[in-house]
Amino acid sequence: MRRNLVVGNWKMHGNIKSNQLLLESLTDGLRDLKNSDYVVCVPNPYLFQARSLLEATNIAWGGQNVNQFEEGAFTGAVSPHMLTDLGCTYVLLGHSERRVLFHETNLSAAARFDAAIKADLTPILCVGETLAEHDAGLTEVIVASQMDAVMATLGDEDFARAMHLNMVFAYEPVWAVGTGKTATPEQAQEIHQFIRQRIARRNAGAASKVRIIYGGSVKASNAKELFAMPDVDGGLVGGASLNAKEFEAICRVANSLSSNPCLTEEDHIVS
């Protein structure tokens, strides 16, 4: 029913030469993988390069963040139309590193989500708990608060628009990002199911269609067990997305496990 999705988050890595080698290798390696969707979210200075190398391929590209304003005196910020000018179709929002290091909040994530859908960017909203919150048994409370801050701002028209754009949720347990730790497949499934049930409170039909991807240290070695879970629809991949062979291997797992390779964009639209 849902196509798997694999998103590579390069974070603050790359240079013109290494980017070209990586993207050319991925273009070759993923060319014949038709059952899933693939995205790379690259640093803003390299979006033009990504566009020039990925146009007419089966790999999309996106931004790692976006400002909620279209223009103005916001030094260092990037507006939604700047991303779409460069051919971006996806954007990450609310990533744990943005929340922790740059003090972004649930409210700012909601504002950016709204700006993204109005610009026809598919939002990938990241939600997840810290180690302290996890150990305190607060995972569902934290994830619900992060989701609700966004969902509460969406009227019916905006919600339908977000669905038309195939909005994505990414569960990234902060305790498993960049630490080498990962949730067990069963732990990931439990929270992915919770996220889907939370969406169902708004729209049951939408809940069955929204893709929820896992973002806690996904590797080729654990991708198959994670992606086999019924509510895990792929991965948000950090460090492993900088290694062409590793990222390709993850994408091949996703491709082999996609439940409906014929799903089209229209299948996601919810009125």
Protein backbone atom coordinates (compact mmCIF):
# COMPACT_ATOMS: atom_id res chain seq x y z
CA MET A 1 0.00 0.00 0.00
CA ARG A 2 2.92 2.35 0.69
CA ARG A 3 6.13 2.72 -1.30
CA ASN A 4 9.23 2.70 0.84
CA LEU A 5 11.24 5.91 1.03
CA VAL A 6 14.95 6.29 1.76
CA VAL A 7 16.26 9.78 2.52
CA GLY A 8 19.95 10.55 2.84
CA ASN A 9 20.75 13.44 5.18
CA TRP A 10 24.29 14.60 4.39
CA LYS A 11 24.24 17.10 7.28
CA MET A 12 27.28 19.43 7.05
CA HIS A 13 29.44 17.22 4.87
CA GLY A 14 30.67 17.33 1.30
CA ASN A 15 32.64 19.23 -1.30
CA ILE A 16 32.23 19.64 -5.03
CA LYS A 17 34.57 16.80 -5.96
CA SER A 18 33.37 14.22 -3.43
CA ASN A 19 29.73 15.14 -4.07
CA GLN A 20 30.11 14.43 -7.76
CA LEU A 21 31.70 11.05 -7.15
CA LEU A 22 29.01 10.11 -4.64
CA LEU A 23 26.05 11.27 -6.74
CA GLU A 24 27.36 9.69 -9.92
CA SER A 25 27.85 6.40 -8.09
CA LEU A 26 24.32 6.57 -6.63
CA THR A 27 22.83 7.40 -10.02
CA ASP A 28 24.39 4.27 -11.47
CA GLY A 29 23.60 2.09 -8.48
CA LEU A 30 19.96 3.06 -8.02
CA ARG A 31 18.97 3.41 -11.68
CA ASP A 32 17.12 0.10 -11.85
CA LEU A 33 15.46 0.30 -8.42
CA LYS A 34 11.89 1.23 -9.33
CA ASN A 35 9.84 0.07 -6.34
CA SER A 36 10.85 2.73 -3.80
CA ASP A 37 11.63 6.45 -3.66
CA TYR A 38 15.07 7.93 -2.98
CA VAL A 39 16.08 11.40 -1.82
CA VAL A 40 19.30 13.14 -0.84
CA CYS A 41 19.15 16.22 1.39
CA VAL A 42 22.39 18.07 0.75
CA PRO A 43 23.87 21.28 2.23
CA ASN A 44 22.41 24.39 0.63
CA PRO A 45 25.58 25.42 -1.28
CA TYR A 46 25.48 22.13 -3.19
CA LEU A 47 21.81 22.07 -4.18
CA PHE A 48 22.58 23.42 -7.65
CA GLN A 49 25.19 20.71 -8.13
CA ALA A 50 22.71 18.07 -6.96
CA ARG A 51 20.15 19.37 -9.41
CA SER A 52 22.58 19.29 -12.33
CA LEU A 53 23.61 15.70 -11.57
CA LEU A 54 20.25 14.24 -10.55
CA GLU A 55 17.83 15.71 -13.07
CA ALA A 56 16.23 12.96 -15.15
CA THR A 57 17.26 10.30 -12.61
CA ASN A 58 15.11 8.44 -10.06
CA ILE A 59 16.79 10.29 -7.16
CA ALA A 60 15.15 13.45 -5.81
CA TRP A 61 16.94 16.12 -3.80
CA GLY A 62 15.87 18.35 -0.95
CA GLY A 63 16.85 20.86 1.69
CA GLN A 64 17.87 20.13 5.26
CA ASN A 65 15.77 22.98 6.64
CA VAL A 66 13.77 26.01 5.50
CA ASN A 67 12.71 29.36 6.90
CA GLN A 68 9.03 30.10 7.44
CA PHE A 69 9.28 33.45 5.65
CA GLU A 70 9.45 33.92 1.88
CA GLU A 71 11.84 36.87 2.04
CA GLY A 72 13.18 39.55 4.34
CA ALA A 73 16.07 40.58 6.56
CA PHE A 74 16.91 37.07 7.79
CA THR A 75 20.65 36.73 7.27
CA GLY A 76 21.68 33.14 6.64
CA ALA A 77 18.14 31.87 6.17
CA VAL A 78 16.79 30.03 3.13
CA SER A 79 13.22 30.57 1.98
CA PRO A 80 10.87 27.95 0.50
CA HIS A 81 10.98 29.44 -3.00
CA MET A 82 14.78 29.35 -2.97
CA LEU A 83 14.58 25.59 -2.50
CA THR A 84 11.97 25.14 -5.21
CA ASP A 85 14.01 27.37 -7.53
CA LEU A 86 16.73 24.76 -7.22
CA GLY A 87 14.34 21.92 -7.99
CA CYS A 88 13.93 20.64 -4.44
CA THR A 89 10.82 18.60 -3.81
CA TYR A 90 11.53 17.60 -0.19
CA VAL A 91 12.67 19.36 2.97
CA LEU A 92 13.61 18.11 6.42
CA LEU A 93 11.90 19.87 9.32
CA GLY A 94 12.36 19.67 13.08
CA HIS A 95 15.49 17.53 12.95
CA SER A 96 16.81 16.79 16.44
CA GLU A 97 20.08 18.58 15.70
CA ARG A 98 18.15 21.71 14.77
CA ARG A 99 16.12 21.45 17.96
CA VAL A 100 19.10 20.77 20.24
CA LEU A 101 21.89 22.81 18.68
CA PHE A 102 19.90 25.71 17.23
CA HIS A 103 17.06 25.83 19.75
CA GLU A 104 14.28 25.34 17.22
CA THR A 105 10.94 24.54 18.81
CA ASN A 106 7.71 22.69 18.10
CA LEU A 107 6.14 26.02 17.15
CA SER A 108 8.89 26.95 14.71
CA ALA A 109 8.68 23.47 13.18
CA ALA A 110 4.94 24.00 12.71
CA ALA A 111 5.53 27.35 10.99
CA ARG A 112 8.13 25.83 8.67
CA PHE A 113 5.82 22.91 7.90
CA ASP A 114 3.10 25.35 6.88
CA ALA A 115 5.53 27.31 4.70
CA ALA A 116 6.80 24.12 3.07
CA ILE A 117 3.40 22.84 1.99
CA LYS A 118 2.38 26.26 0.70
CA ALA A 119 5.50 26.16 -1.50
CA ASP A 120 4.69 22.62 -2.75
CA LEU A 121 7.60 21.09 -0.84
CA THR A 122 7.04 17.66 0.68
CA PRO A 123 7.78 18.05 4.40
CA ILE A 124 9.65 15.36 6.29
CA LEU A 125 8.83 16.11 9.93
CA CYS A 126 11.31 14.62 12.37
CA VAL A 127 10.09 13.61 15.82
CA GLY A 128 11.81 11.75 18.63
CA GLU A 129 12.98 11.70 22.21
CA THR A 130 16.30 12.17 24.00
CA LEU A 131 17.95 9.45 26.07
CA ALA A 132 16.74 11.03 29.32
CA GLU A 133 13.18 11.22 27.98
CA HIS A 134 13.41 7.65 26.72
CA ASP A 135 14.68 6.34 30.04
CA ALA A 136 11.93 8.25 31.85
CA GLY A 137 9.27 6.52 29.76
CA LEU A 138 8.24 9.76 28.05
CA THR A 139 8.72 8.70 24.43
CA GLU A 140 5.03 8.82 23.47
CA VAL A 141 4.47 12.09 25.35
CA ILE A 142 7.35 13.80 23.54
CA VAL A 143 6.49 12.42 20.11
CA ALA A 144 2.82 13.36 20.56
CA SER A 145 3.71 16.92 21.56
CA GLN A 146 5.97 17.34 18.53
CA MET A 147 3.32 15.97 16.18
CA ASP A 148 0.40 17.83 17.73
CA ALA A 149 2.16 21.18 17.45
CA VAL A 150 2.10 20.73 13.68
CA MET A 151 -1.22 18.95 13.26
CA ALA A 152 -3.06 21.56 15.34
CA THR A 153 -2.04 24.31 12.91
CA LEU A 154 -3.39 22.49 9.84
CA GLY A 155 -6.93 23.26 8.79
CA ASP A 156 -8.72 20.74 6.60
CA GLU A 157 -7.49 22.39 3.41
CA ASP A 158 -3.87 22.48 4.57
CA PHE A 159 -4.08 18.89 5.80
CA ALA A 160 -5.38 17.78 2.40
CA ARG A 161 -2.58 19.73 0.74
CA ALA A 162 0.01 18.07 2.97
CA MET A 163 -1.42 14.68 2.02
CA HIS A 164 -1.38 15.60 -1.67
CA LEU A 165 2.32 16.34 -1.24
CA ASN A 166 2.83 12.94 0.45
CA MET A 167 4.00 14.38 3.78
CA VAL A 168 6.40 12.16 5.69
CA PHE A 169 7.09 11.60 9.38
CA ALA A 170 10.54 10.47 10.49
CA TYR A 171 10.96 8.91 13.90
CA GLU A 172 14.49 9.62 15.04
CA PRO A 173 15.21 8.59 18.61
CA VAL A 174 17.81 11.20 19.57
CA TRP A 175 19.64 8.64 21.70
CA ALA A 176 20.31 6.61 18.56
CA VAL A 177 21.44 9.41 16.21
CA GLY A 178 25.18 9.29 15.58
CA THR A 179 25.76 7.08 18.62
CA GLY A 180 25.95 3.72 16.92
CA LYS A 181 22.92 2.62 18.95
CA THR A 182 19.63 1.84 17.33
CA ALA A 183 16.17 0.94 18.46
CA THR A 184 15.27 -2.68 18.01
CA PRO A 185 12.89 -3.33 15.12
CA GLU A 186 10.17 -3.99 17.68
CA GLN A 187 10.85 -0.68 19.47
CA ALA A 188 10.77 1.19 16.17
CA GLN A 189 7.52 -0.53 15.17
CA GLU A 190 5.90 0.38 18.47
CA ILE A 191 6.53 4.11 18.03
CA HIS A 192 5.78 4.10 14.30
CA GLN A 193 2.45 2.48 15.09
CA PHE A 194 1.84 5.13 17.75
CA ILE A 195 2.55 7.88 15.19
CA ARG A 196 0.16 6.30 12.71
CA GLN A 197 -2.54 6.01 15.36
CA ARG A 198 -2.00 9.66 16.26
CA ILE A 199 -2.58 10.65 12.63
CA ALA A 200 -5.67 8.43 12.55
CA ARG A 201 -7.24 10.60 15.24
CA ARG A 202 -7.32 13.30 12.56
CA ASN A 203 -8.01 11.18 9.50
CA ALA A 204 -8.02 7.38 9.45
CA GLY A 205 -7.69 7.21 5.69
CA ALA A 206 -4.68 9.48 5.76
CA ALA A 207 -3.03 7.45 8.50
CA SER A 208 -2.91 4.36 6.32
CA LYS A 209 -1.20 6.28 3.53
CA VAL A 210 1.34 8.49 5.34
CA ARG A 211 4.88 7.18 5.16
CA ILE A 212 6.73 6.97 8.48
CA ILE A 213 10.46 6.36 8.15
CA TYR A 214 13.00 5.43 10.81
CA GLY A 215 15.96 7.72 11.47
CA GLY A 216 18.14 6.22 14.18
CA SER A 217 21.49 4.98 12.79
CA VAL A 218 20.11 3.07 9.81
CA LYS A 219 22.74 0.85 8.17
CA ALA A 220 22.79 -1.86 5.55
CA SER A 221 23.20 -4.39 8.36
CA ASN A 222 19.96 -3.46 10.15
CA ALA A 223 17.83 -2.08 7.32
CA LYS A 224 16.11 -5.35 6.43
CA GLU A 225 14.86 -6.04 9.96
CA LEU A 226 13.73 -2.43 10.44
CA PHE A 227 12.03 -2.02 7.06
CA ALA A 228 10.23 -5.36 7.45
CA MET A 229 8.16 -3.90 10.30
CA PRO A 230 4.59 -3.15 9.12
CA ASP A 231 4.66 0.56 10.02
CA VAL A 232 8.27 1.31 9.05
CA ASP A 233 8.26 2.67 5.51
CA GLY A 234 11.97 3.21 4.95
CA GLY A 235 14.71 5.25 6.55
CA LEU A 236 16.22 8.65 7.19
CA VAL A 237 19.90 7.84 6.80
CA GLY A 238 22.69 9.98 8.25
CA GLY A 239 26.34 8.92 8.11
CA ALA A 240 25.68 5.88 5.93
CA SER A 241 24.29 8.16 3.19
CA LEU A 242 27.83 9.51 2.60
CA ASN A 243 29.05 6.07 1.53
CA ALA A 244 27.73 5.16 -1.90
CA LYS A 245 27.91 1.38 -1.44
CA GLU A 246 26.29 1.51 2.02
CA PHE A 247 23.49 3.84 0.93
CA GLU A 248 22.86 1.80 -2.20
CA ALA A 249 22.62 -1.36 -0.09
CA ILE A 250 20.02 0.29 2.16
CA CYS A 251 18.06 1.42 -0.88
CA ARG A 252 18.14 -2.09 -2.32
CA VAL A 253 16.63 -3.44 0.88
CA ALA A 254 13.87 -0.83 0.73
CA ASN A 255 13.26 -1.59 -2.92
CA SER A 256 12.93 -5.32 -2.27
CA LEU A 257 10.45 -4.80 0.58
CA SER A 258 8.17 -2.15 -0.89
CA SER A 259 4.64 -3.40 -0.51
CA ASN A 260 3.16 -1.78 -3.61
CA PRO A 261 5.57 -0.72 -6.36
CA CYS A 262 2.70 0.65 -8.42
CA LEU A 263 1.55 3.27 -5.91
CA THR A 264 1.15 6.69 -7.51
CA GLU A 265 0.97 10.18 -6.09
CA GLU A 266 -2.79 10.23 -6.64
CA ASP A 267 -3.16 7.27 -4.25
CA HIS A 268 -2.02 9.55 -1.42
CA ILE A 269 -4.61 12.29 -1.93
CA VAL A 270 -7.15 12.50 0.87
CA SER A 271 -10.11 14.80 0.53
